[in-house]
Amino acid sequence: MADDPSLLSDPAWVNRQLEAITRQIRELGPSIAASFAPVVANLQATIIATIQATYSTTAQMNAAIASPGNITPGNVTASGTVQGGGLVSTGSASIATGLGVGGNMSAGGQVVSAAPIKSPGSHGYNVTTSYVAGWIDGDGTFGTSPSSGAVKVDLAVIADADSRKILDVVPYWGRYEWDAPDSPLKAFVLAEDVQAAGFGPDVAPTVDDDAPRNIGTEDDPVLIQPGKAWTVNYSQLVVPLLALAREQDARIATLESQVAQLVAGGDAVDGGS
């Protein structure tokens, strides 16, 4: 290009310069394309490989939804129902409505449910060996309670007076308010009676919260005030019964011994006469 600025105003000169530049571009075009072709091909292959490794096709997604197989996520949060036909294994799961699993469910962490946990299949399952009693802690946690002397301290034999407290508890036949009128009668005791007999909250658990506890239904609430017993740990009633049975057995043995002595003394008197 000339250094004379006036040439820029000459259309013929400008056209000649453009034609020269066009010819140079056309001459360089094939070589430029040949130089960039491998780069473009490699970039294209990399993009395709990344897409294939990261994303699924519509057919793959539909197949995975239809038959998910085993799912092992870290956290699961669902506002609807989560259903699985195979194994569902989670670190933690938060599900607002329902979880349906046709196979096994395995959780590495805790499964927390604000609603009652149901297992209808448990009614038809017979436990065989190594089974233990299950308990629900005050915060709703399921677990077991060991009975080995290795973990028990401050042991003291239950006194006779304490064992007789069980006799102040009246046994009843009856039904719950929500039972059908023609349902079989149940044998039970009243939590209020157990507490009044002098048994503590391990036998007759009390309402520990500051607010009353509803032991009825939403439509027909029955409120138990704080500090009052609301249920009975029936298994704990076996212990004072055992203590009472031991006391009665000892008294019977003493009476039998006294009767035997009286009989022996009477026989001696009869023989002497």
C-alpha atoms as a PDB file:
ATOM      1  CA  MET A   1       0.000   0.000   0.000  1.00  0.00           C
ATOM      2  CA  ALA A   2       1.343   3.443  -0.900  1.00  0.00           C
ATOM      3  CA  ASP A   3       2.242   5.925   1.786  1.00  0.00           C
ATOM      4  CA  ASP A   4       0.260   8.642  -0.002  1.00  0.00           C
ATOM      5  CA  PRO A   5      -3.079   9.014   1.822  1.00  0.00           C
ATOM      6  CA  SER A   6      -4.600  10.550  -1.265  1.00  0.00           C
ATOM      7  CA  LEU A   7      -4.576   7.140  -2.945  1.00  0.00           C
ATOM      8  CA  LEU A   8      -7.332   5.987  -0.570  1.00  0.00           C
ATOM      9  CA  SER A   9      -9.650   8.319  -2.406  1.00  0.00           C
ATOM     10  CA  ASP A  10      -8.798   6.677  -5.760  1.00  0.00           C
ATOM     11  CA  PRO A  11     -11.389   3.923  -6.377  1.00  0.00           C
ATOM     12  CA  ALA A  12      -9.320   2.237  -9.004  1.00  0.00           C
ATOM     13  CA  TRP A  13      -6.335   1.928  -6.697  1.00  0.00           C
ATOM     14  CA  VAL A  14      -8.481   0.619  -3.839  1.00  0.00           C
ATOM     15  CA  ASN A  15     -10.029  -2.002  -6.137  1.00  0.00           C
ATOM     16  CA  ARG A  16      -6.627  -3.178  -7.245  1.00  0.00           C
ATOM     17  CA  GLN A  17      -5.481  -3.547  -3.632  1.00  0.00           C
ATOM     18  CA  LEU A  18      -8.613  -5.527  -2.729  1.00  0.00           C
ATOM     19  CA  GLU A  19      -8.143  -7.809  -5.709  1.00  0.00           C
ATOM     20  CA  ALA A  20      -4.544  -8.445  -4.650  1.00  0.00           C
ATOM     21  CA  ILE A  21      -5.584  -9.255  -1.076  1.00  0.00           C
ATOM     22  CA  THR A  22      -8.343 -11.554  -2.364  1.00  0.00           C
ATOM     23  CA  ARG A  23      -5.841 -13.453  -4.511  1.00  0.00           C
ATOM     24  CA  GLN A  24      -3.511 -13.915  -1.540  1.00  0.00           C
ATOM     25  CA  ILE A  25      -6.355 -15.229   0.631  1.00  0.00           C
ATOM     26  CA  ARG A  26      -7.405 -17.668  -2.078  1.00  0.00           C
ATOM     27  CA  GLU A  27      -3.838 -18.876  -2.449  1.00  0.00           C
ATOM     28  CA  LEU A  28      -3.440 -19.343   1.311  1.00  0.00           C
ATOM     29  CA  GLY A  29      -6.892 -20.906   1.799  1.00  0.00           C
ATOM     30  CA  PRO A  30      -6.019 -24.547   1.045  1.00  0.00           C
ATOM     31  CA  SER A  31      -2.901 -24.467   3.197  1.00  0.00           C
ATOM     32  CA  ILE A  32      -4.747 -22.851   6.093  1.00  0.00           C
ATOM     33  CA  ALA A  33      -7.543 -25.413   5.854  1.00  0.00           C
ATOM     34  CA  ALA A  34      -5.058 -28.259   5.686  1.00  0.00           C
ATOM     35  CA  SER A  35      -3.227 -26.930   8.745  1.00  0.00           C
ATOM     36  CA  PHE A  36      -6.360 -26.583  10.857  1.00  0.00           C
ATOM     37  CA  ALA A  37      -8.100 -29.767   9.706  1.00  0.00           C
ATOM     38  CA  PRO A  38      -6.314 -32.082  12.228  1.00  0.00           C
ATOM     39  CA  VAL A  39      -6.959 -29.604  15.047  1.00  0.00           C
ATOM     40  CA  VAL A  40     -10.620 -29.383  14.189  1.00  0.00           C
ATOM     41  CA  ALA A  41     -10.916 -33.161  13.856  1.00  0.00           C
ATOM     42  CA  ASN A  42      -9.219 -33.749  17.226  1.00  0.00           C
ATOM     43  CA  LEU A  43     -11.410 -31.105  18.890  1.00  0.00           C
ATOM     44  CA  GLN A  44     -14.512 -32.664  17.402  1.00  0.00           C
ATOM     45  CA  ALA A  45     -13.514 -36.135  18.613  1.00  0.00           C
ATOM     46  CA  THR A  46     -12.830 -34.772  22.106  1.00  0.00           C
ATOM     47  CA  ILE A  47     -16.225 -33.051  22.270  1.00  0.00           C
ATOM     48  CA  ILE A  48     -18.054 -36.178  21.079  1.00  0.00           C
ATOM     49  CA  ALA A  49     -16.210 -38.394  23.579  1.00  0.00           C
ATOM     50  CA  THR A  50     -16.989 -35.980  26.430  1.00  0.00           C
ATOM     51  CA  ILE A  51     -20.674 -35.872  25.519  1.00  0.00           C
ATOM     52  CA  GLN A  52     -20.890 -39.649  25.283  1.00  0.00           C
ATOM     53  CA  ALA A  53     -19.151 -40.106  28.657  1.00  0.00           C
ATOM     54  CA  THR A  54     -21.127 -37.413  30.460  1.00  0.00           C
ATOM     55  CA  TYR A  55     -24.601 -37.448  28.972  1.00  0.00           C
ATOM     56  CA  SER A  56     -27.101 -40.137  28.061  1.00  0.00           C
ATOM     57  CA  THR A  57     -29.213 -40.437  24.978  1.00  0.00           C
ATOM     58  CA  THR A  58     -32.984 -40.286  25.178  1.00  0.00           C
ATOM     59  CA  ALA A  59     -33.157 -44.052  24.677  1.00  0.00           C
ATOM     60  CA  GLN A  60     -30.639 -44.644  27.480  1.00  0.00           C
ATOM     61  CA  MET A  61     -32.533 -42.338  29.845  1.00  0.00           C
ATOM     62  CA  ASN A  62     -35.861 -44.031  29.071  1.00  0.00           C
ATOM     63  CA  ALA A  63     -34.288 -47.456  29.653  1.00  0.00           C
ATOM     64  CA  ALA A  64     -32.763 -46.336  32.969  1.00  0.00           C
ATOM     65  CA  ILE A  65     -36.100 -44.931  34.148  1.00  0.00           C
ATOM     66  CA  ALA A  66     -37.950 -48.103  33.162  1.00  0.00           C
ATOM     67  CA  SER A  67     -35.416 -50.402  34.841  1.00  0.00           C
ATOM     68  CA  PRO A  68     -33.142 -48.441  37.203  1.00  0.00           C
ATOM     69  CA  GLY A  69     -31.477 -51.461  38.878  1.00  0.00           C
ATOM     70  CA  ASN A  70     -29.342 -50.574  41.914  1.00  0.00           C
ATOM     71  CA  ILE A  71     -29.151 -46.918  42.894  1.00  0.00           C
ATOM     72  CA  THR A  72     -26.474 -45.790  45.351  1.00  0.00           C
ATOM     73  CA  PRO A  73     -26.615 -42.000  45.818  1.00  0.00           C
ATOM     74  CA  GLY A  74     -25.263 -39.939  48.683  1.00  0.00           C
ATOM     75  CA  ASN A  75     -28.263 -37.786  49.543  1.00  0.00           C
ATOM     76  CA  VAL A  76     -31.774 -38.215  48.150  1.00  0.00           C
ATOM     77  CA  THR A  77     -34.394 -35.487  48.482  1.00  0.00           C
ATOM     78  CA  ALA A  78     -37.753 -36.143  46.877  1.00  0.00           C
ATOM     79  CA  SER A  79     -41.055 -34.312  47.143  1.00  0.00           C
ATOM     80  CA  GLY A  80     -42.979 -37.238  45.669  1.00  0.00           C
ATOM     81  CA  THR A  81     -42.829 -41.021  45.805  1.00  0.00           C
ATOM     82  CA  VAL A  82     -39.547 -42.838  45.207  1.00  0.00           C
ATOM     83  CA  GLN A  83     -39.969 -46.407  43.956  1.00  0.00           C
ATOM     84  CA  GLY A  84     -37.357 -49.066  43.300  1.00  0.00           C
ATOM     85  CA  GLY A  85     -37.680 -52.609  42.044  1.00  0.00           C
ATOM     86  CA  GLY A  86     -34.224 -53.611  43.201  1.00  0.00           C
ATOM     87  CA  LEU A  87     -31.792 -52.475  45.890  1.00  0.00           C
ATOM     88  CA  VAL A  88     -31.993 -48.847  47.021  1.00  0.00           C
ATOM     89  CA  SER A  89     -28.875 -47.880  48.983  1.00  0.00           C
ATOM     90  CA  THR A  90     -28.551 -44.352  50.342  1.00  0.00           C
ATOM     91  CA  GLY A  91     -26.352 -42.327  52.619  1.00  0.00           C
ATOM     92  CA  SER A  92     -29.329 -40.257  53.731  1.00  0.00           C
ATOM     93  CA  ALA A  93     -32.779 -39.842  52.239  1.00  0.00           C
ATOM     94  CA  SER A  94     -35.365 -37.104  52.674  1.00  0.00           C
ATOM     95  CA  ILE A  95     -38.704 -38.009  51.077  1.00  0.00           C
ATOM     96  CA  ALA A  96     -41.786 -35.854  51.533  1.00  0.00           C
ATOM     97  CA  THR A  97     -44.498 -38.352  50.609  1.00  0.00           C
ATOM     98  CA  GLY A  98     -43.539 -41.991  50.102  1.00  0.00           C
ATOM     99  CA  LEU A  99     -40.788 -44.485  49.344  1.00  0.00           C
ATOM    100  CA  GLY A 100     -41.663 -47.690  47.530  1.00  0.00           C
ATOM    101  CA  VAL A 101     -39.019 -50.389  47.254  1.00  0.00           C
ATOM    102  CA  GLY A 102     -39.770 -53.735  45.643  1.00  0.00           C
ATOM    103  CA  GLY A 103     -36.455 -55.239  46.698  1.00  0.00           C
ATOM    104  CA  ASN A 104     -34.064 -54.407  49.521  1.00  0.00           C
ATOM    105  CA  MET A 105     -33.326 -50.985  50.943  1.00  0.00           C
ATOM    106  CA  SER A 106     -29.942 -50.282  52.511  1.00  0.00           C
ATOM    107  CA  ALA A 107     -29.089 -47.025  54.275  1.00  0.00           C
ATOM    108  CA  GLY A 108     -25.572 -46.132  55.341  1.00  0.00           C
ATOM    109  CA  GLY A 109     -26.919 -43.466  57.672  1.00  0.00           C
ATOM    110  CA  GLN A 110     -30.125 -43.034  59.672  1.00  0.00           C
ATOM    111  CA  VAL A 111     -33.579 -43.278  58.146  1.00  0.00           C
ATOM    112  CA  VAL A 112     -35.692 -40.638  59.872  1.00  0.00           C
ATOM    113  CA  SER A 113     -39.466 -40.705  59.513  1.00  0.00           C
ATOM    114  CA  ALA A 114     -41.842 -38.186  61.055  1.00  0.00           C
ATOM    115  CA  ALA A 115     -44.727 -40.559  60.330  1.00  0.00           C
ATOM    116  CA  PRO A 116     -45.136 -44.115  61.707  1.00  0.00           C
ATOM    117  CA  ILE A 117     -43.004 -46.786  60.052  1.00  0.00           C
ATOM    118  CA  LYS A 118     -45.027 -49.719  58.710  1.00  0.00           C
ATOM    119  CA  SER A 119     -43.881 -53.194  57.738  1.00  0.00           C
ATOM    120  CA  PRO A 120     -46.942 -55.301  56.867  1.00  0.00           C
ATOM    121  CA  GLY A 121     -44.703 -58.161  55.735  1.00  0.00           C
ATOM    122  CA  SER A 122     -43.339 -58.547  59.265  1.00  0.00           C
ATOM    123  CA  HIS A 123     -46.615 -60.189  60.333  1.00  0.00           C
ATOM    124  CA  GLY A 124     -45.873 -63.110  58.027  1.00  0.00           C
ATOM    125  CA  TYR A 125     -42.187 -63.463  58.893  1.00  0.00           C
ATOM    126  CA  ASN A 126     -41.177 -65.970  61.574  1.00  0.00           C
ATOM    127  CA  VAL A 127     -37.970 -65.143  63.410  1.00  0.00           C
ATOM    128  CA  THR A 128     -35.785 -68.148  64.137  1.00  0.00           C
ATOM    129  CA  THR A 129     -32.523 -67.680  66.027  1.00  0.00           C
ATOM    130  CA  SER A 130     -30.557 -64.865  67.640  1.00  0.00           C
ATOM    131  CA  TYR A 131     -33.599 -62.583  67.837  1.00  0.00           C
ATOM    132  CA  VAL A 132     -33.801 -59.916  70.517  1.00  0.00           C
ATOM    133  CA  ALA A 133     -36.477 -57.550  71.779  1.00  0.00           C
ATOM    134  CA  GLY A 134     -36.717 -54.229  69.972  1.00  0.00           C
ATOM    135  CA  TRP A 135     -37.240 -50.937  71.774  1.00  0.00           C
ATOM    136  CA  ILE A 136     -37.997 -47.343  70.841  1.00  0.00           C
ATOM    137  CA  ASP A 137     -35.955 -44.700  72.632  1.00  0.00           C
ATOM    138  CA  GLY A 138     -37.421 -41.413  73.810  1.00  0.00           C
ATOM    139  CA  ASP A 139     -36.380 -39.693  70.579  1.00  0.00           C
ATOM    140  CA  GLY A 140     -37.925 -42.416  68.415  1.00  0.00           C
ATOM    141  CA  THR A 141     -34.710 -44.353  67.720  1.00  0.00           C
ATOM    142  CA  PHE A 142     -35.071 -48.127  67.326  1.00  0.00           C
ATOM    143  CA  GLY A 143     -32.623 -50.327  69.199  1.00  0.00           C
ATOM    144  CA  THR A 144     -32.060 -53.103  71.723  1.00  0.00           C
ATOM    145  CA  SER A 145     -31.310 -53.072  75.449  1.00  0.00           C
ATOM    146  CA  PRO A 146     -28.527 -55.352  76.743  1.00  0.00           C
ATOM    147  CA  SER A 147     -29.178 -57.333  79.927  1.00  0.00           C
ATOM    148  CA  SER A 148     -25.679 -58.562  80.691  1.00  0.00           C
ATOM    149  CA  GLY A 149     -24.400 -57.957  84.189  1.00  0.00           C
ATOM    150  CA  ALA A 150     -21.240 -56.614  82.581  1.00  0.00           C
ATOM    151  CA  VAL A 151     -23.021 -53.339  81.815  1.00  0.00           C
ATOM    152  CA  LYS A 152     -25.110 -53.037  84.980  1.00  0.00           C
ATOM    153  CA  VAL A 153     -24.046 -51.225  88.147  1.00  0.00           C
ATOM    154  CA  ASP A 154     -25.559 -50.276  91.518  1.00  0.00           C
ATOM    155  CA  LEU A 155     -27.293 -53.665  91.755  1.00  0.00           C
ATOM    156  CA  ALA A 156     -29.482 -54.283  94.808  1.00  0.00           C
ATOM    157  CA  VAL A 157     -31.933 -57.100  95.478  1.00  0.00           C
ATOM    158  CA  ILE A 158     -35.532 -55.904  95.320  1.00  0.00           C
ATOM    159  CA  ALA A 159     -36.937 -55.781  98.832  1.00  0.00           C
ATOM    160  CA  ASP A 160     -40.119 -57.628  99.737  1.00  0.00           C
ATOM    161  CA  ALA A 161     -41.986 -54.351 100.288  1.00  0.00           C
ATOM    162  CA  ASP A 162     -41.038 -53.148  96.824  1.00  0.00           C
ATOM    163  CA  SER A 163     -42.064 -56.416  95.202  1.00  0.00           C
ATOM    164  CA  ARG A 164     -45.512 -56.163  96.811  1.00  0.00           C
ATOM    165  CA  LYS A 165     -46.142 -52.911  94.927  1.00  0.00           C
ATOM    166  CA  ILE A 166     -47.180 -55.054  91.982  1.00  0.00           C
ATOM    167  CA  LEU A 167     -50.208 -56.197  94.005  1.00  0.00           C
ATOM    168  CA  ASP A 168     -51.508 -52.606  94.023  1.00  0.00           C
ATOM    169  CA  VAL A 169     -51.814 -52.719  90.243  1.00  0.00           C
ATOM    170  CA  VAL A 170     -55.230 -53.981  89.148  1.00  0.00           C
ATOM    171  CA  PRO A 171     -55.384 -56.120  85.975  1.00  0.00           C
ATOM    172  CA  TYR A 172     -58.256 -55.485  83.564  1.00  0.00           C
ATOM    173  CA  TRP A 173     -59.969 -56.853  80.500  1.00  0.00           C
ATOM    174  CA  GLY A 174     -60.939 -54.137  78.065  1.00  0.00           C
ATOM    175  CA  ARG A 175     -60.509 -52.369  74.743  1.00  0.00           C
ATOM    176  CA  TYR A 176     -59.007 -49.143  73.476  1.00  0.00           C
ATOM    177  CA  GLU A 177     -61.313 -46.343  72.357  1.00  0.00           C
ATOM    178  CA  TRP A 178     -60.348 -46.916  68.747  1.00  0.00           C
ATOM    179  CA  ASP A 179     -60.940 -50.691  68.839  1.00  0.00           C
ATOM    180  CA  ALA A 180     -63.990 -52.104  67.112  1.00  0.00           C
ATOM    181  CA  PRO A 181     -66.807 -52.938  69.580  1.00  0.00           C
ATOM    182  CA  ASP A 182     -66.672 -56.611  68.564  1.00  0.00           C
ATOM    183  CA  SER A 183     -62.872 -56.906  68.720  1.00  0.00           C
ATOM    184  CA  PRO A 184     -61.372 -59.371  71.229  1.00  0.00           C
ATOM    185  CA  LEU A 185     -60.851 -58.071  74.735  1.00  0.00           C
ATOM    186  CA  LYS A 186     -57.301 -57.214  75.723  1.00  0.00           C
ATOM    187  CA  ALA A 187     -55.593 -57.830  79.059  1.00  0.00           C
ATOM    188  CA  PHE A 188     -53.878 -54.750  80.393  1.00  0.00           C
ATOM    189  CA  VAL A 189     -53.137 -52.516  83.328  1.00  0.00           C
ATOM    190  CA  LEU A 190     -53.467 -48.748  83.609  1.00  0.00           C
ATOM    191  CA  ALA A 191     -50.415 -46.495  83.427  1.00  0.00           C
ATOM    192  CA  GLU A 192     -51.894 -44.301  86.157  1.00  0.00           C
ATOM    193  CA  ASP A 193     -52.174 -47.308  88.513  1.00  0.00           C
ATOM    194  CA  VAL A 194     -48.605 -48.392  87.840  1.00  0.00           C
ATOM    195  CA  GLN A 195     -47.301 -44.895  88.588  1.00  0.00           C
ATOM    196  CA  ALA A 196     -49.485 -44.609  91.712  1.00  0.00           C
ATOM    197  CA  ALA A 197     -48.120 -47.960  92.955  1.00  0.00           C
ATOM    198  CA  GLY A 198     -44.687 -46.356  93.135  1.00  0.00           C
ATOM    199  CA  PHE A 199     -43.051 -47.585  89.944  1.00  0.00           C
ATOM    200  CA  GLY A 200     -40.761 -45.147  88.138  1.00  0.00           C
ATOM    201  CA  PRO A 201     -40.701 -43.939  84.531  1.00  0.00           C
ATOM    202  CA  ASP A 202     -38.774 -47.014  83.361  1.00  0.00           C
ATOM    203  CA  VAL A 203     -41.901 -49.041  84.146  1.00  0.00           C
ATOM    204  CA  ALA A 204     -44.496 -46.330  83.543  1.00  0.00           C
ATOM    205  CA  PRO A 205     -42.925 -43.775  81.151  1.00  0.00           C
ATOM    206  CA  THR A 206     -44.084 -40.227  81.740  1.00  0.00           C
ATOM    207  CA  VAL A 207     -44.562 -37.205  79.509  1.00  0.00           C
ATOM    208  CA  ASP A 208     -41.168 -35.501  79.615  1.00  0.00           C
ATOM    209  CA  ASP A 209     -42.041 -32.577  77.343  1.00  0.00           C
ATOM    210  CA  ASP A 210     -43.303 -29.245  78.610  1.00  0.00           C
ATOM    211  CA  ALA A 211     -46.497 -29.649  76.604  1.00  0.00           C
ATOM    212  CA  PRO A 212     -49.155 -32.363  77.007  1.00  0.00           C
ATOM    213  CA  ARG A 213     -48.848 -35.516  74.902  1.00  0.00           C
ATOM    214  CA  ASN A 214     -51.718 -36.627  72.716  1.00  0.00           C
ATOM    215  CA  ILE A 215     -52.229 -40.389  73.032  1.00  0.00           C
ATOM    216  CA  GLY A 216     -55.533 -40.311  71.175  1.00  0.00           C
ATOM    217  CA  THR A 217     -56.192 -39.429  67.561  1.00  0.00           C
ATOM    218  CA  GLU A 218     -56.245 -36.131  65.718  1.00  0.00           C
ATOM    219  CA  ASP A 219     -60.034 -36.214  65.591  1.00  0.00           C
ATOM    220  CA  ASP A 220     -60.414 -37.361  69.206  1.00  0.00           C
ATOM    221  CA  PRO A 221     -57.357 -36.168  71.178  1.00  0.00           C
ATOM    222  CA  VAL A 222     -56.539 -37.499  74.656  1.00  0.00           C
ATOM    223  CA  LEU A 223     -53.999 -35.248  76.358  1.00  0.00           C
ATOM    224  CA  ILE A 224     -51.675 -36.498  79.106  1.00  0.00           C
ATOM    225  CA  GLN A 225     -50.084 -33.749  81.157  1.00  0.00           C
ATOM    226  CA  PRO A 226     -46.298 -33.449  81.732  1.00  0.00           C
ATOM    227  CA  GLY A 227     -45.039 -35.704  84.501  1.00  0.00           C
ATOM    228  CA  LYS A 228     -47.957 -38.113  84.193  1.00  0.00           C
ATOM    229  CA  ALA A 229     -47.573 -41.712  83.021  1.00  0.00           C
ATOM    230  CA  TRP A 230     -48.927 -42.399  79.554  1.00  0.00           C
ATOM    231  CA  THR A 231     -47.845 -46.001  78.826  1.00  0.00           C
ATOM    232  CA  VAL A 232     -46.552 -49.149  80.544  1.00  0.00           C
ATOM    233  CA  ASN A 233     -43.363 -51.083  79.928  1.00  0.00           C
ATOM    234  CA  TYR A 234     -44.919 -54.490  80.563  1.00  0.00           C
ATOM    235  CA  SER A 235     -41.607 -56.343  80.390  1.00  0.00           C
ATOM    236  CA  GLN A 236     -40.416 -54.425  83.460  1.00  0.00           C
ATOM    237  CA  LEU A 237     -43.404 -55.665  85.440  1.00  0.00           C
ATOM    238  CA  VAL A 238     -41.988 -59.183  85.187  1.00  0.00           C
ATOM    239  CA  VAL A 239     -39.095 -58.255  87.494  1.00  0.00           C
ATOM    240  CA  PRO A 240     -41.168 -57.333  90.586  1.00  0.00           C
ATOM    241  CA  LEU A 241     -43.390 -60.346  89.846  1.00  0.00           C
ATOM    242  CA  LEU A 242     -40.299 -62.553  89.970  1.00  0.00           C
ATOM    243  CA  ALA A 243     -39.235 -60.919  93.241  1.00  0.00           C
ATOM    244  CA  LEU A 244     -42.724 -61.468  94.673  1.00  0.00           C
ATOM    245  CA  ALA A 245     -42.703 -65.097  93.528  1.00  0.00           C
ATOM    246  CA  ARG A 246     -39.341 -65.630  95.262  1.00  0.00           C
ATOM    247  CA  GLU A 247     -40.681 -64.050  98.441  1.00  0.00           C
ATOM    248  CA  GLN A 248     -43.813 -66.211  98.333  1.00  0.00           C
ATOM    249  CA  ASP A 249     -41.722 -69.308  97.661  1.00  0.00           C
ATOM    250  CA  ALA A 250     -39.552 -68.558 100.689  1.00  0.00           C
ATOM    251  CA  ARG A 251     -42.609 -68.003 102.888  1.00  0.00           C
ATOM    252  CA  ILE A 252     -44.190 -71.237 101.661  1.00  0.00           C
ATOM    253  CA  ALA A 253     -40.980 -73.120 102.387  1.00  0.00           C
ATOM    254  CA  THR A 254     -40.932 -71.654 105.910  1.00  0.00           C
ATOM    255  CA  LEU A 255     -44.558 -72.588 106.529  1.00  0.00           C
ATOM    256  CA  GLU A 256     -44.005 -76.101 105.210  1.00  0.00           C
ATOM    257  CA  SER A 257     -41.053 -76.466 107.540  1.00  0.00           C
ATOM    258  CA  GLN A 258     -43.121 -75.276 110.489  1.00  0.00           C
ATOM    259  CA  VAL A 259     -45.981 -77.638 109.581  1.00  0.00           C
ATOM    260  CA  ALA A 260     -43.530 -80.521 109.301  1.00  0.00           C
ATOM    261  CA  GLN A 261     -42.168 -79.718 112.751  1.00  0.00           C
ATOM    262  CA  LEU A 262     -45.659 -79.542 114.221  1.00  0.00           C
ATOM    263  CA  VAL A 263     -46.597 -82.853 112.611  1.00  0.00           C
ATOM    264  CA  ALA A 264     -43.393 -84.453 113.870  1.00  0.00           C
ATOM    265  CA  GLY A 265     -44.079 -83.074 117.354  1.00  0.00           C
ATOM    266  CA  GLY A 266     -47.640 -84.403 117.288  1.00  0.00           C
ATOM    267  CA  ASP A 267     -46.462 -87.820 116.155  1.00  0.00           C
ATOM    268  CA  ALA A 268     -43.941 -87.842 119.019  1.00  0.00           C
ATOM    269  CA  VAL A 269     -46.650 -86.967 121.513  1.00  0.00           C
ATOM    270  CA  ASP A 270     -48.977 -89.664 120.136  1.00  0.00           C
ATOM    271  CA  GLY A 271     -46.199 -92.243 120.223  1.00  0.00           C
ATOM    272  CA  GLY A 272     -45.261 -91.384 123.774  1.00  0.00           C
ATOM    273  CA  SER A 273     -48.784 -91.783 124.977  1.00  0.00           C
END
